[in-house]
Amino acid sequence: MERGIMILLSRLNGQQIALNADLIERAEATPDTVLTLVDGTKCVV
């Protein structure tokens, strides 16, 4: 089984999260970076 690449991100409050890069559907550059995941969840980093 092949594993996806995990990326380390920092939320606006400084909390760090690891996210599987395969789950990212779209990245938007607003004043903050908004990631939309394949399930529709949005994550501001």
Protein backbone atom coordinates (compact mmCIF):
# COMPACT_ATOMS: atom_id res chain seq x y z
CA MET A 1 0.00 0.00 0.00
CA GLU A 2 1.40 3.36 -1.02
CA ARG A 3 1.21 6.24 1.48
CA GLY A 4 0.37 9.79 0.50
CA ILE A 5 2.63 12.72 1.23
CA MET A 6 1.81 14.53 4.46
CA ILE A 7 2.36 18.28 4.66
CA LEU A 8 2.71 20.28 7.87
CA LEU A 9 0.52 23.39 8.04
CA SER A 10 0.00 26.13 10.61
CA ARG A 11 -3.47 27.46 11.37
CA LEU A 12 -3.98 31.15 12.11
CA ASN A 13 -3.93 30.44 15.87
CA GLY A 14 -0.49 28.79 15.58
CA GLN A 15 -1.78 25.21 15.88
CA GLN A 16 0.10 22.86 13.56
CA ILE A 17 -1.68 20.10 11.63
CA ALA A 18 -0.48 17.41 9.25
CA LEU A 19 -2.62 16.90 6.15
CA ASN A 20 -2.46 14.25 3.47
CA ALA A 21 -1.74 16.17 0.26
CA ASP A 22 -4.01 13.79 -1.70
CA LEU A 23 -7.02 15.20 0.20
CA ILE A 24 -6.56 18.75 -1.13
CA GLU A 25 -8.90 19.58 -3.98
CA ARG A 26 -8.23 23.32 -4.28
CA ALA A 27 -6.07 26.06 -2.71
CA GLU A 28 -7.19 29.70 -2.80
CA ALA A 29 -4.94 32.68 -2.05
CA THR A 30 -7.08 35.25 -0.29
CA PRO A 31 -5.51 37.31 2.48
CA ASP A 32 -5.23 33.86 4.10
CA THR A 33 -4.78 30.53 2.36
CA VAL A 34 -8.00 28.50 2.16
CA LEU A 35 -7.70 24.81 1.34
CA THR A 36 -10.78 22.97 0.12
CA LEU A 37 -10.59 19.23 0.72
CA VAL A 38 -12.14 16.55 -1.47
CA ASP A 39 -15.03 16.13 1.01
CA GLY A 40 -15.87 19.87 0.85
CA THR A 41 -14.26 20.79 4.18
CA LYS A 42 -12.46 24.14 4.17
CA CYS A 43 -9.28 24.74 6.16
CA VAL A 44 -7.78 28.21 6.68
CA VAL A 45 -3.99 28.16 7.10
